[in-house]
Amino acid sequence: MKYHLYMALVLALLDLQQPFEVETNASDYAIGAVLTQHRDPVAYHSETLSDTVRKYPTYDKEMYSIVQACRQWKHYILGKETVIHTDHRPLQFIQTQRRLHNDRHQKWSTYLQQFHFEYQV
């Protein structure tokens, strides 16, 4: 994700006929995401975390960053194959988990089911 933030001088024009990729990351104080096509950035999203979200465990913050990116770009990625890149390995099992740990995970997982994702770590 840092590569796209620092190396791209301008955003590329998006092509709705081409697949999208979303790179997300979360820290203790903020989240960030980049929507790309052919490795060219199309859009950015960043958000400072509220005091409540800052208290979430790392897994929840990373999952929150994916959910927020999907909310931001829903009109682009809904109904399209999309690759999600995350640096948090447990998130690659979001779609196959049988038992979710809490209501927040259930709510987010239900929301993410409307999208067609492939997760890559």
PDB file of N, CA and C in Angstrom:
ATOM      1  N   MET A   1       0.825  -1.177   0.000  1.00  0.00           N
ATOM      2  CA  MET A   1       0.000   0.000   0.000  1.00  0.00           C
ATOM      3  C   MET A   1       0.878   1.252   0.000  1.00  0.00           C
ATOM      4  N   LYS A   2       1.986   1.222   0.719  1.00  0.00           N
ATOM      5  CA  LYS A   2       2.870   2.389   0.749  1.00  0.00           C
ATOM      6  C   LYS A   2       3.371   2.737  -0.650  1.00  0.00           C
ATOM      7  N   TYR A   3       3.634   1.703  -1.457  1.00  0.00           N
ATOM      8  CA  TYR A   3       4.099   1.947  -2.819  1.00  0.00           C
ATOM      9  C   TYR A   3       3.100   2.822  -3.571  1.00  0.00           C
ATOM     10  N   HIS A   4       1.834   2.483  -3.487  1.00  0.00           N
ATOM     11  CA  HIS A   4       0.817   3.242  -4.211  1.00  0.00           C
ATOM     12  C   HIS A   4       0.674   4.655  -3.671  1.00  0.00           C
ATOM     13  N   LEU A   5       0.858   4.817  -2.381  1.00  0.00           N
ATOM     14  CA  LEU A   5       0.728   6.142  -1.791  1.00  0.00           C
ATOM     15  C   LEU A   5       1.871   7.073  -2.170  1.00  0.00           C
ATOM     16  N   TYR A   6       3.075   6.519  -2.276  1.00  0.00           N
ATOM     17  CA  TYR A   6       4.241   7.368  -2.500  1.00  0.00           C
ATOM     18  C   TYR A   6       4.673   7.470  -3.960  1.00  0.00           C
ATOM     19  N   MET A   7       4.422   6.434  -4.745  1.00  0.00           N
ATOM     20  CA  MET A   7       4.958   6.414  -6.092  1.00  0.00           C
ATOM     21  C   MET A   7       3.996   6.976  -7.151  1.00  0.00           C
ATOM     22  N   ALA A   8       2.742   6.936  -6.905  1.00  0.00           N
ATOM     23  CA  ALA A   8       1.784   7.418  -7.908  1.00  0.00           C
ATOM     24  C   ALA A   8       1.663   8.930  -7.830  1.00  0.00           C
ATOM     25  N   LEU A   9       1.888   9.589  -8.944  1.00  0.00           N
ATOM     26  CA  LEU A   9       1.787  11.036  -8.977  1.00  0.00           C
ATOM     27  C   LEU A   9       0.351  11.496  -9.197  1.00  0.00           C
ATOM     28  N   VAL A  10      -0.411  10.695  -9.937  1.00  0.00           N
ATOM     29  CA  VAL A  10      -1.815  11.020 -10.202  1.00  0.00           C
ATOM     30  C   VAL A  10      -2.628   9.735 -10.123  1.00  0.00           C
ATOM     31  N   LEU A  11      -3.923   9.898  -9.937  1.00  0.00           N
ATOM     32  CA  LEU A  11      -4.811   8.745  -9.945  1.00  0.00           C
ATOM     33  C   LEU A  11      -5.119   8.347 -11.384  1.00  0.00           C
ATOM     34  N   ALA A  12      -5.250   7.053 -11.600  1.00  0.00           N
ATOM     35  CA  ALA A  12      -5.607   6.557 -12.926  1.00  0.00           C
ATOM     36  C   ALA A  12      -7.114   6.663 -13.115  1.00  0.00           C
ATOM     37  N   LEU A  13      -7.534   6.751 -14.355  1.00  0.00           N
ATOM     38  CA  LEU A  13      -8.963   6.705 -14.648  1.00  0.00           C
ATOM     39  C   LEU A  13      -9.430   5.266 -14.495  1.00  0.00           C
ATOM     40  N   LEU A  14     -10.546   5.091 -13.828  1.00  0.00           N
ATOM     41  CA  LEU A  14     -11.014   3.723 -13.630  1.00  0.00           C
ATOM     42  C   LEU A  14     -11.749   3.210 -14.854  1.00  0.00           C
ATOM     43  N   ASP A  15     -11.695   1.892 -15.011  1.00  0.00           N
ATOM     44  CA  ASP A  15     -12.360   1.208 -16.109  1.00  0.00           C
ATOM     45  C   ASP A  15     -13.294   0.184 -15.488  1.00  0.00           C
ATOM     46  N   LEU A  16     -14.584   0.409 -15.586  1.00  0.00           N
ATOM     47  CA  LEU A  16     -15.553  -0.468 -14.933  1.00  0.00           C
ATOM     48  C   LEU A  16     -15.597  -1.863 -15.540  1.00  0.00           C
ATOM     49  N   GLN A  17     -14.943  -2.069 -16.654  1.00  0.00           N
ATOM     50  CA  GLN A  17     -14.892  -3.395 -17.276  1.00  0.00           C
ATOM     51  C   GLN A  17     -13.739  -4.239 -16.727  1.00  0.00           C
ATOM     52  N   GLN A  18     -12.825  -3.633 -16.010  1.00  0.00           N
ATOM     53  CA  GLN A  18     -11.645  -4.322 -15.487  1.00  0.00           C
ATOM     54  C   GLN A  18     -11.830  -4.653 -14.009  1.00  0.00           C
ATOM     55  N   PRO A  19     -11.166  -5.715 -13.519  1.00  0.00           N
ATOM     56  CA  PRO A  19     -11.275  -6.070 -12.095  1.00  0.00           C
ATOM     57  C   PRO A  19     -10.575  -5.039 -11.211  1.00  0.00           C
ATOM     58  N   PHE A  20     -11.016  -4.986  -9.960  1.00  0.00           N
ATOM     59  CA  PHE A  20     -10.425  -4.078  -8.988  1.00  0.00           C
ATOM     60  C   PHE A  20      -9.622  -4.856  -7.966  1.00  0.00           C
ATOM     61  N   GLU A  21      -8.678  -4.167  -7.334  1.00  0.00           N
ATOM     62  CA  GLU A  21      -7.949  -4.684  -6.185  1.00  0.00           C
ATOM     63  C   GLU A  21      -8.023  -3.633  -5.096  1.00  0.00           C
ATOM     64  N   VAL A  22      -8.147  -4.103  -3.867  1.00  0.00           N
ATOM     65  CA  VAL A  22      -8.217  -3.206  -2.714  1.00  0.00           C
ATOM     66  C   VAL A  22      -7.111  -3.606  -1.750  1.00  0.00           C
ATOM     67  N   GLU A  23      -6.274  -2.658  -1.399  1.00  0.00           N
ATOM     68  CA  GLU A  23      -5.241  -2.883  -0.392  1.00  0.00           C
ATOM     69  C   GLU A  23      -5.626  -2.113   0.855  1.00  0.00           C
ATOM     70  N   THR A  24      -5.621  -2.801   1.991  1.00  0.00           N
ATOM     71  CA  THR A  24      -6.013  -2.158   3.244  1.00  0.00           C
ATOM     72  C   THR A  24      -4.936  -2.358   4.297  1.00  0.00           C
ATOM     73  N   ASN A  25      -4.954  -1.466   5.266  1.00  0.00           N
ATOM     74  CA  ASN A  25      -4.048  -1.581   6.407  1.00  0.00           C
ATOM     75  C   ASN A  25      -4.636  -0.786   7.563  1.00  0.00           C
ATOM     76  N   ALA A  26      -4.315  -1.215   8.760  1.00  0.00           N
ATOM     77  CA  ALA A  26      -4.788  -0.527   9.956  1.00  0.00           C
ATOM     78  C   ALA A  26      -3.626  -0.362  10.925  1.00  0.00           C
ATOM     79  N   SER A  27      -3.657   0.724  11.652  1.00  0.00           N
ATOM     80  CA  SER A  27      -2.669   0.958  12.704  1.00  0.00           C
ATOM     81  C   SER A  27      -3.433   1.206  13.995  1.00  0.00           C
ATOM     82  N   ASP A  28      -2.746   1.640  15.011  1.00  0.00           N
ATOM     83  CA  ASP A  28      -3.400   1.898  16.293  1.00  0.00           C
ATOM     84  C   ASP A  28      -4.260   3.154  16.268  1.00  0.00           C
ATOM     85  N   TYR A  29      -4.094   3.999  15.269  1.00  0.00           N
ATOM     86  CA  TYR A  29      -4.813   5.271  15.267  1.00  0.00           C
ATOM     87  C   TYR A  29      -5.566   5.580  13.969  1.00  0.00           C
ATOM     88  N   ALA A  30      -5.331   4.795  12.896  1.00  0.00           N
ATOM     89  CA  ALA A  30      -5.971   5.097  11.623  1.00  0.00           C
ATOM     90  C   ALA A  30      -6.042   3.862  10.739  1.00  0.00           C
ATOM     91  N   ILE A  31      -6.864   3.968   9.701  1.00  0.00           N
ATOM     92  CA  ILE A  31      -6.914   2.931   8.674  1.00  0.00           C
ATOM     93  C   ILE A  31      -6.702   3.598   7.323  1.00  0.00           C
ATOM     94  N   GLY A  32      -6.273   2.791   6.366  1.00  0.00           N
ATOM     95  CA  GLY A  32      -6.093   3.307   5.023  1.00  0.00           C
ATOM     96  C   GLY A  32      -6.393   2.231   4.004  1.00  0.00           C
ATOM     97  N   ALA A  33      -6.792   2.658   2.808  1.00  0.00           N
ATOM     98  CA  ALA A  33      -7.083   1.721   1.731  1.00  0.00           C
ATOM     99  C   ALA A  33      -6.805   2.394   0.392  1.00  0.00           C
ATOM    100  N   VAL A  34      -6.426   1.565  -0.574  1.00  0.00           N
ATOM    101  CA  VAL A  34      -6.180   2.039  -1.929  1.00  0.00           C
ATOM    102  C   VAL A  34      -6.947   1.125  -2.878  1.00  0.00           C
ATOM    103  N   LEU A  35      -7.725   1.706  -3.758  1.00  0.00           N
ATOM    104  CA  LEU A  35      -8.421   0.974  -4.810  1.00  0.00           C
ATOM    105  C   LEU A  35      -7.561   1.065  -6.060  1.00  0.00           C
ATOM    106  N   THR A  36      -7.218  -0.091  -6.632  1.00  0.00           N
ATOM    107  CA  THR A  36      -6.321  -0.089  -7.786  1.00  0.00           C
ATOM    108  C   THR A  36      -6.893  -0.920  -8.931  1.00  0.00           C
ATOM    109  N   GLN A  37      -6.389  -0.641 -10.112  1.00  0.00           N
ATOM    110  CA  GLN A  37      -6.604  -1.447 -11.304  1.00  0.00           C
ATOM    111  C   GLN A  37      -5.269  -1.537 -12.014  1.00  0.00           C
ATOM    112  N   HIS A  38      -4.846  -2.737 -12.336  1.00  0.00           N
ATOM    113  CA  HIS A  38      -3.552  -2.950 -12.997  1.00  0.00           C
ATOM    114  C   HIS A  38      -2.418  -2.280 -12.215  1.00  0.00           C
ATOM    115  N   ARG A  39      -2.516  -2.320 -10.890  1.00  0.00           N
ATOM    116  CA  ARG A  39      -1.525  -1.742  -9.969  1.00  0.00           C
ATOM    117  C   ARG A  39      -1.455  -0.221  -9.999  1.00  0.00           C
ATOM    118  N   ASP A  40      -2.380   0.409 -10.679  1.00  0.00           N
ATOM    119  CA  ASP A  40      -2.447   1.867 -10.689  1.00  0.00           C
ATOM    120  C   ASP A  40      -3.533   2.319  -9.726  1.00  0.00           C
ATOM    121  N   PRO A  41      -3.239   3.270  -8.845  1.00  0.00           N
ATOM    122  CA  PRO A  41      -4.254   3.725  -7.892  1.00  0.00           C
ATOM    123  C   PRO A  41      -5.390   4.479  -8.576  1.00  0.00           C
ATOM    124  N   VAL A  42      -6.598   4.146  -8.192  1.00  0.00           N
ATOM    125  CA  VAL A  42      -7.787   4.782  -8.719  1.00  0.00           C
ATOM    126  C   VAL A  42      -8.404   5.693  -7.651  1.00  0.00           C
ATOM    127  N   ALA A  43      -8.330   5.257  -6.378  1.00  0.00           N
ATOM    128  CA  ALA A  43      -8.903   6.046  -5.285  1.00  0.00           C
ATOM    129  C   ALA A  43      -8.219   5.676  -3.976  1.00  0.00           C
ATOM    130  N   TYR A  44      -8.234   6.614  -3.038  1.00  0.00           N
ATOM    131  CA  TYR A  44      -7.678   6.415  -1.706  1.00  0.00           C
ATOM    132  C   TYR A  44      -8.762   6.634  -0.663  1.00  0.00           C
ATOM    133  N   HIS A  45      -8.601   5.977   0.472  1.00  0.00           N
ATOM    134  CA  HIS A  45      -9.476   6.219   1.614  1.00  0.00           C
ATOM    135  C   HIS A  45      -8.635   6.124   2.876  1.00  0.00           C
ATOM    136  N   SER A  46      -8.804   7.080   3.759  1.00  0.00           N
ATOM    137  CA  SER A  46      -8.157   7.008   5.067  1.00  0.00           C
ATOM    138  C   SER A  46      -9.119   7.548   6.105  1.00  0.00           C
ATOM    139  N   GLU A  47      -8.928   7.093   7.314  1.00  0.00           N
ATOM    140  CA  GLU A  47      -9.849   7.464   8.388  1.00  0.00           C
ATOM    141  C   GLU A  47      -9.113   7.366   9.718  1.00  0.00           C
ATOM    142  N   THR A  48      -9.240   8.387  10.518  1.00  0.00           N
ATOM    143  CA  THR A  48      -8.715   8.342  11.874  1.00  0.00           C
ATOM    144  C   THR A  48      -9.709   7.576  12.739  1.00  0.00           C
ATOM    145  N   LEU A  49      -9.211   6.675  13.542  1.00  0.00           N
ATOM    146  CA  LEU A  49     -10.080   5.821  14.350  1.00  0.00           C
ATOM    147  C   LEU A  49     -10.630   6.571  15.558  1.00  0.00           C
ATOM    148  N   SER A  50     -11.873   6.270  15.876  1.00  0.00           N
ATOM    149  CA  SER A  50     -12.483   6.834  17.083  1.00  0.00           C
ATOM    150  C   SER A  50     -11.865   6.167  18.311  1.00  0.00           C
ATOM    151  N   ASP A  51     -12.087   6.751  19.456  1.00  0.00           N
ATOM    152  CA  ASP A  51     -11.558   6.175  20.698  1.00  0.00           C
ATOM    153  C   ASP A  51     -12.063   4.756  20.909  1.00  0.00           C
ATOM    154  N   THR A  52     -13.308   4.494  20.551  1.00  0.00           N
ATOM    155  CA  THR A  52     -13.879   3.151  20.709  1.00  0.00           C
ATOM    156  C   THR A  52     -13.176   2.152  19.803  1.00  0.00           C
ATOM    157  N   VAL A  53     -12.999   2.498  18.544  1.00  0.00           N
ATOM    158  CA  VAL A  53     -12.377   1.587  17.584  1.00  0.00           C
ATOM    159  C   VAL A  53     -10.896   1.388  17.914  1.00  0.00           C
ATOM    160  N   ARG A  54     -10.247   2.369  18.468  1.00  0.00           N
ATOM    161  CA  ARG A  54      -8.839   2.225  18.856  1.00  0.00           C
ATOM    162  C   ARG A  54      -8.637   1.115  19.882  1.00  0.00           C
ATOM    163  N   LYS A  55      -9.670   0.809  20.634  1.00  0.00           N
ATOM    164  CA  LYS A  55      -9.583  -0.243  21.658  1.00  0.00           C
ATOM    165  C   LYS A  55      -9.790  -1.644  21.083  1.00  0.00           C
ATOM    166  N   TYR A  56     -10.202  -1.737  19.823  1.00  0.00           N
ATOM    167  CA  TYR A  56     -10.407  -3.041  19.196  1.00  0.00           C
ATOM    168  C   TYR A  56      -9.085  -3.794  19.110  1.00  0.00           C
ATOM    169  N   PRO A  57      -9.122  -5.124  19.134  1.00  0.00           N
ATOM    170  CA  PRO A  57      -7.905  -5.901  18.860  1.00  0.00           C
ATOM    171  C   PRO A  57      -7.482  -5.720  17.397  1.00  0.00           C
ATOM    172  N   THR A  58      -6.270  -6.102  17.086  1.00  0.00           N
ATOM    173  CA  THR A  58      -5.715  -5.926  15.740  1.00  0.00           C
ATOM    174  C   THR A  58      -6.591  -6.561  14.667  1.00  0.00           C
ATOM    175  N   TYR A  59      -7.074  -7.777  14.901  1.00  0.00           N
ATOM    176  CA  TYR A  59      -7.924  -8.463  13.928  1.00  0.00           C
ATOM    177  C   TYR A  59      -9.137  -7.601  13.583  1.00  0.00           C
ATOM    178  N   ASP A  60      -9.771  -7.029  14.591  1.00  0.00           N
ATOM    179  CA  ASP A  60     -10.962  -6.218  14.372  1.00  0.00           C
ATOM    180  C   ASP A  60     -10.643  -4.935  13.609  1.00  0.00           C
ATOM    181  N   LYS A  61      -9.523  -4.309  13.916  1.00  0.00           N
ATOM    182  CA  LYS A  61      -9.145  -3.089  13.191  1.00  0.00           C
ATOM    183  C   LYS A  61      -8.883  -3.393  11.720  1.00  0.00           C
ATOM    184  N   GLU A  62      -8.205  -4.503  11.467  1.00  0.00           N
ATOM    185  CA  GLU A  62      -7.910  -4.874  10.086  1.00  0.00           C
ATOM    186  C   GLU A  62      -9.203  -5.219   9.333  1.00  0.00           C
ATOM    187  N   MET A  63     -10.116  -5.924   9.996  1.00  0.00           N
ATOM    188  CA  MET A  63     -11.399  -6.248   9.373  1.00  0.00           C
ATOM    189  C   MET A  63     -12.220  -4.978   9.156  1.00  0.00           C
ATOM    190  N   TYR A  64     -12.174  -4.068  10.112  1.00  0.00           N
ATOM    191  CA  TYR A  64     -12.864  -2.783   9.995  1.00  0.00           C
ATOM    192  C   TYR A  64     -12.353  -2.010   8.780  1.00  0.00           C
ATOM    193  N   SER A  65     -11.055  -2.074   8.520  1.00  0.00           N
ATOM    194  CA  SER A  65     -10.508  -1.357   7.364  1.00  0.00           C
ATOM    195  C   SER A  65     -11.053  -1.921   6.054  1.00  0.00           C
ATOM    196  N   ILE A  66     -11.253  -3.231   5.985  1.00  0.00           N
ATOM    197  CA  ILE A  66     -11.838  -3.844   4.784  1.00  0.00           C
ATOM    198  C   ILE A  66     -13.289  -3.413   4.631  1.00  0.00           C
ATOM    199  N   VAL A  67     -14.039  -3.446   5.731  1.00  0.00           N
ATOM    200  CA  VAL A  67     -15.453  -3.054   5.690  1.00  0.00           C
ATOM    201  C   VAL A  67     -15.599  -1.598   5.260  1.00  0.00           C
ATOM    202  N   GLN A  68     -14.787  -0.722   5.812  1.00  0.00           N
ATOM    203  CA  GLN A  68     -14.878   0.703   5.459  1.00  0.00           C
ATOM    204  C   GLN A  68     -14.498   0.938   3.998  1.00  0.00           C
ATOM    205  N   ALA A  69     -13.497   0.218   3.506  1.00  0.00           N
ATOM    206  CA  ALA A  69     -13.121   0.351   2.097  1.00  0.00           C
ATOM    207  C   ALA A  69     -14.273  -0.110   1.200  1.00  0.00           C
ATOM    208  N   CYS A  70     -14.923  -1.189   1.586  1.00  0.00           N
ATOM    209  CA  CYS A  70     -16.057  -1.685   0.797  1.00  0.00           C
ATOM    210  C   CYS A  70     -17.223  -0.707   0.832  1.00  0.00           C
ATOM    211  N   ARG A  71     -17.457  -0.083   1.960  1.00  0.00           N
ATOM    212  CA  ARG A  71     -18.519   0.926   2.039  1.00  0.00           C
ATOM    213  C   ARG A  71     -18.186   2.123   1.158  1.00  0.00           C
ATOM    214  N   GLN A  72     -16.933   2.508   1.154  1.00  0.00           N
ATOM    215  CA  GLN A  72     -16.487   3.663   0.376  1.00  0.00           C
ATOM    216  C   GLN A  72     -16.636   3.418  -1.130  1.00  0.00           C
ATOM    217  N   TRP A  73     -16.297   2.205  -1.578  1.00  0.00           N
ATOM    218  CA  TRP A  73     -16.258   1.917  -3.009  1.00  0.00           C
ATOM    219  C   TRP A  73     -17.290   0.886  -3.441  1.00  0.00           C
ATOM    220  N   LYS A  74     -18.350   0.740  -2.681  1.00  0.00           N
ATOM    221  CA  LYS A  74     -19.386  -0.256  -2.970  1.00  0.00           C
ATOM    222  C   LYS A  74     -19.902  -0.123  -4.400  1.00  0.00           C
ATOM    223  N   HIS A  75     -20.132   1.082  -4.852  1.00  0.00           N
ATOM    224  CA  HIS A  75     -20.677   1.310  -6.195  1.00  0.00           C
ATOM    225  C   HIS A  75     -19.730   0.848  -7.298  1.00  0.00           C
ATOM    226  N   TYR A  76     -18.438   0.692  -7.004  1.00  0.00           N
ATOM    227  CA  TYR A  76     -17.496   0.194  -8.000  1.00  0.00           C
ATOM    228  C   TYR A  76     -17.356  -1.329  -7.939  1.00  0.00           C
ATOM    229  N   ILE A  77     -17.298  -1.884  -6.731  1.00  0.00           N
ATOM    230  CA  ILE A  77     -16.912  -3.291  -6.587  1.00  0.00           C
ATOM    231  C   ILE A  77     -18.076  -4.263  -6.435  1.00  0.00           C
ATOM    232  N   LEU A  78     -19.265  -3.786  -6.184  1.00  0.00           N
ATOM    233  CA  LEU A  78     -20.403  -4.683  -6.014  1.00  0.00           C
ATOM    234  C   LEU A  78     -20.680  -5.426  -7.322  1.00  0.00           C
ATOM    235  N   GLY A  79     -20.727  -6.745  -7.243  1.00  0.00           N
ATOM    236  CA  GLY A  79     -20.978  -7.573  -8.416  1.00  0.00           C
ATOM    237  C   GLY A  79     -19.760  -7.858  -9.267  1.00  0.00           C
ATOM    238  N   LYS A  80     -18.596  -7.411  -8.842  1.00  0.00           N
ATOM    239  CA  LYS A  80     -17.362  -7.642  -9.596  1.00  0.00           C
ATOM    240  C   LYS A  80     -16.396  -8.469  -8.761  1.00  0.00           C
ATOM    241  N   GLU A  81     -15.617  -9.285  -9.434  1.00  0.00           N
ATOM    242  CA  GLU A  81     -14.546  -9.999  -8.748  1.00  0.00           C
ATOM    243  C   GLU A  81     -13.524  -8.972  -8.280  1.00  0.00           C
ATOM    244  N   THR A  82     -13.188  -9.028  -7.009  1.00  0.00           N
ATOM    245  CA  THR A  82     -12.269  -8.061  -6.419  1.00  0.00           C
ATOM    246  C   THR A  82     -11.260  -8.801  -5.555  1.00  0.00           C
ATOM    247  N   VAL A  83     -10.006  -8.414  -5.663  1.00  0.00           N
ATOM    248  CA  VAL A  83      -8.963  -8.995  -4.835  1.00  0.00           C
ATOM    249  C   VAL A  83      -8.710  -8.064  -3.667  1.00  0.00           C
ATOM    250  N   ILE A  84      -8.713  -8.617  -2.454  1.00  0.00           N
ATOM    251  CA  ILE A  84      -8.412  -7.854  -1.248  1.00  0.00           C
ATOM    252  C   ILE A  84      -7.013  -8.239  -0.793  1.00  0.00           C
ATOM    253  N   HIS A  85      -6.134  -7.256  -0.678  1.00  0.00           N
ATOM    254  CA  HIS A  85      -4.786  -7.478  -0.164  1.00  0.00           C
ATOM    255  C   HIS A  85      -4.734  -6.958   1.267  1.00  0.00           C
ATOM    256  N   THR A  86      -4.316  -7.814   2.180  1.00  0.00           N
ATOM    257  CA  THR A  86      -4.165  -7.416   3.575  1.00  0.00           C
ATOM    258  C   THR A  86      -2.887  -8.031   4.120  1.00  0.00           C
ATOM    259  N   ASP A  87      -2.302  -7.398   5.100  1.00  0.00           N
ATOM    260  CA  ASP A  87      -1.094  -7.948   5.710  1.00  0.00           C
ATOM    261  C   ASP A  87      -1.428  -8.755   6.965  1.00  0.00           C
ATOM    262  N   HIS A  88      -2.698  -8.986   7.214  1.00  0.00           N
ATOM    263  CA  HIS A  88      -3.135  -9.716   8.410  1.00  0.00           C
ATOM    264  C   HIS A  88      -3.670 -11.084   7.977  1.00  0.00           C
ATOM    265  N   ARG A  89      -2.825 -12.097   8.097  1.00  0.00           N
ATOM    266  CA  ARG A  89      -3.104 -13.441   7.581  1.00  0.00           C
ATOM    267  C   ARG A  89      -4.442 -14.037   8.028  1.00  0.00           C
ATOM    268  N   PRO A  90      -4.870 -13.932   9.283  1.00  0.00           N
ATOM    269  CA  PRO A  90      -6.150 -14.548   9.678  1.00  0.00           C
ATOM    270  C   PRO A  90      -7.360 -14.043   8.892  1.00  0.00           C
ATOM    271  N   LEU A  91      -7.267 -12.877   8.297  1.00  0.00           N
ATOM    272  CA  LEU A  91      -8.411 -12.341   7.557  1.00  0.00           C
ATOM    273  C   LEU A  91      -8.708 -13.099   6.265  1.00  0.00           C
ATOM    274  N   GLN A  92      -7.768 -13.896   5.799  1.00  0.00           N
ATOM    275  CA  GLN A  92      -8.031 -14.645   4.577  1.00  0.00           C
ATOM    276  C   GLN A  92      -9.092 -15.730   4.791  1.00  0.00           C
ATOM    277  N   PHE A  93      -9.449 -15.987   6.059  1.00  0.00           N
ATOM    278  CA  PHE A  93     -10.441 -17.002   6.374  1.00  0.00           C
ATOM    279  C   PHE A  93     -11.802 -16.409   6.748  1.00  0.00           C
ATOM    280  N   ILE A  94     -12.022 -15.139   6.484  1.00  0.00           N
ATOM    281  CA  ILE A  94     -13.283 -14.483   6.842  1.00  0.00           C
ATOM    282  C   ILE A  94     -14.477 -15.234   6.271  1.00  0.00           C
ATOM    283  N   GLN A  95     -14.403 -15.587   5.012  1.00  0.00           N
ATOM    284  CA  GLN A  95     -15.558 -16.183   4.348  1.00  0.00           C
ATOM    285  C   GLN A  95     -15.781 -17.644   4.721  1.00  0.00           C
ATOM    286  N   THR A  96     -14.811 -18.309   5.302  1.00  0.00           N
ATOM    287  CA  THR A  96     -14.955 -19.732   5.602  1.00  0.00           C
ATOM    288  C   THR A  96     -15.085 -20.034   7.091  1.00  0.00           C
ATOM    289  N   GLN A  97     -15.060 -19.014   7.926  1.00  0.00           N
ATOM    290  CA  GLN A  97     -15.203 -19.252   9.361  1.00  0.00           C
ATOM    291  C   GLN A  97     -16.606 -19.737   9.676  1.00  0.00           C
ATOM    292  N   ARG A  98     -16.684 -20.790  10.465  1.00  0.00           N
ATOM    293  CA  ARG A  98     -17.991 -21.313  10.872  1.00  0.00           C
ATOM    294  C   ARG A  98     -18.530 -20.576  12.084  1.00  0.00           C
ATOM    295  N   ARG A  99     -17.648 -20.249  12.981  1.00  0.00           N
ATOM    296  CA  ARG A  99     -18.069 -19.618  14.236  1.00  0.00           C
ATOM    297  C   ARG A  99     -17.373 -18.275  14.372  1.00  0.00           C
ATOM    298  N   LEU A 100     -18.157 -17.237  14.497  1.00  0.00           N
ATOM    299  CA  LEU A 100     -17.606 -15.901  14.655  1.00  0.00           C
ATOM    300  C   LEU A 100     -17.564 -15.556  16.136  1.00  0.00           C
ATOM    301  N   HIS A 101     -16.596 -14.739  16.536  1.00  0.00           N
ATOM    302  CA  HIS A 101     -16.328 -14.484  17.944  1.00  0.00           C
ATOM    303  C   HIS A 101     -17.326 -13.543  18.617  1.00  0.00           C
ATOM    304  N   ASN A 102     -17.872 -12.617  17.870  1.00  0.00           N
ATOM    305  CA  ASN A 102     -18.785 -11.664  18.516  1.00  0.00           C
ATOM    306  C   ASN A 102     -19.769 -11.092  17.502  1.00  0.00           C
ATOM    307  N   ASP A 103     -20.696 -10.293  17.990  1.00  0.00           N
ATOM    308  CA  ASP A 103     -21.732  -9.714  17.124  1.00  0.00           C
ATOM    309  C   ASP A 103     -21.147  -8.790  16.065  1.00  0.00           C
ATOM    310  N   ARG A 104     -20.088  -8.095  16.416  1.00  0.00           N
ATOM    311  CA  ARG A 104     -19.452  -7.181  15.466  1.00  0.00           C
ATOM    312  C   ARG A 104     -18.922  -7.971  14.265  1.00  0.00           C
ATOM    313  N   HIS A 105     -18.252  -9.100  14.511  1.00  0.00           N
ATOM    314  CA  HIS A 105     -17.747  -9.938  13.422  1.00  0.00           C
ATOM    315  C   HIS A 105     -18.896 -10.468  12.575  1.00  0.00           C
ATOM    316  N   GLN A 106     -19.988 -10.863  13.227  1.00  0.00           N
ATOM    317  CA  GLN A 106     -21.158 -11.374  12.506  1.00  0.00           C
ATOM    318  C   GLN A 106     -21.731 -10.297  11.582  1.00  0.00           C
ATOM    319  N   LYS A 107     -21.855  -9.089  12.106  1.00  0.00           N
ATOM    320  CA  LYS A 107     -22.403  -7.978  11.327  1.00  0.00           C
ATOM    321  C   LYS A 107     -21.517  -7.660  10.127  1.00  0.00           C
ATOM    322  N   TRP A 108     -20.218  -7.561  10.348  1.00  0.00           N
ATOM    323  CA  TRP A 108     -19.284  -7.250   9.266  1.00  0.00           C
ATOM    324  C   TRP A 108     -19.231  -8.380   8.240  1.00  0.00           C
ATOM    325  N   SER A 109     -19.194  -9.610   8.717  1.00  0.00           N
ATOM    326  CA  SER A 109     -19.139 -10.759   7.815  1.00  0.00           C
ATOM    327  C   SER A 109     -20.382 -10.818   6.936  1.00  0.00           C
ATOM    328  N   THR A 110     -21.529 -10.552   7.516  1.00  0.00           N
ATOM    329  CA  THR A 110     -22.775 -10.522   6.752  1.00  0.00           C
ATOM    330  C   THR A 110     -22.724  -9.433   5.683  1.00  0.00           C
ATOM    331  N   TYR A 111     -22.215  -8.275   6.037  1.00  0.00           N
ATOM    332  CA  TYR A 111     -22.091  -7.179   5.067  1.00  0.00           C
ATOM    333  C   TYR A 111     -21.155  -7.575   3.918  1.00  0.00           C
ATOM    334  N   LEU A 112     -20.025  -8.207   4.234  1.00  0.00           N
ATOM    335  CA  LEU A 112     -19.028  -8.548   3.222  1.00  0.00           C
ATOM    336  C   LEU A 112     -19.474  -9.667   2.293  1.00  0.00           C
ATOM    337  N   GLN A 113     -20.498 -10.435   2.691  1.00  0.00           N
ATOM    338  CA  GLN A 113     -20.961 -11.544   1.865  1.00  0.00           C
ATOM    339  C   GLN A 113     -21.580 -11.083   0.545  1.00  0.00           C
ATOM    340  N   GLN A 114     -21.968  -9.846   0.448  1.00  0.00           N
ATOM    341  CA  GLN A 114     -22.562  -9.359  -0.796  1.00  0.00           C
ATOM    342  C   GLN A 114     -21.525  -9.116  -1.893  1.00  0.00           C
ATOM    343  N   PHE A 115     -20.257  -9.138  -1.530  1.00  0.00           N
ATOM    344  CA  PHE A 115     -19.171  -8.893  -2.481  1.00  0.00           C
ATOM    345  C   PHE A 115     -18.521 -10.206  -2.890  1.00  0.00           C
ATOM    346  N   HIS A 116     -17.862 -10.193  -4.052  1.00  0.00           N
ATOM    347  CA  HIS A 116     -17.136 -11.363  -4.553  1.00  0.00           C
ATOM    348  C   HIS A 116     -15.641 -11.095  -4.395  1.00  0.00           C
ATOM    349  N   PHE A 117     -15.071 -11.645  -3.309  1.00  0.00           N
ATOM    350  CA  PHE A 117     -13.681 -11.356  -2.971  1.00  0.00           C
ATOM    351  C   PHE A 117     -12.791 -12.569  -3.097  1.00  0.00           C
ATOM    352  N   GLU A 118     -11.560 -12.269  -3.391  1.00  0.00           N
ATOM    353  CA  GLU A 118     -10.461 -13.218  -3.218  1.00  0.00           C
ATOM    354  C   GLU A 118      -9.485 -12.509  -2.296  1.00  0.00           C
ATOM    355  N   TYR A 119      -9.119 -13.160  -1.206  1.00  0.00           N
ATOM    356  CA  TYR A 119      -8.208 -12.533  -0.235  1.00  0.00           C
ATOM    357  C   TYR A 119      -6.786 -12.995  -0.498  1.00  0.00           C
ATOM    358  N   GLN A 120      -5.854 -12.054  -0.492  1.00  0.00           N
ATOM    359  CA  GLN A 120      -4.439 -12.368  -0.632  1.00  0.00           C
ATOM    360  C   GLN A 120      -3.671 -11.671   0.477  1.00  0.00           C
ATOM    361  N   VAL A 121      -2.765 -12.421   1.058  1.00  0.00           N
ATOM    362  CA  VAL A 121      -1.952 -11.878   2.156  1.00  0.00           C
ATOM    363  C   VAL A 121      -0.563 -11.613   1.642  1.00  0.00           C
TER     364      VAL A 121
END
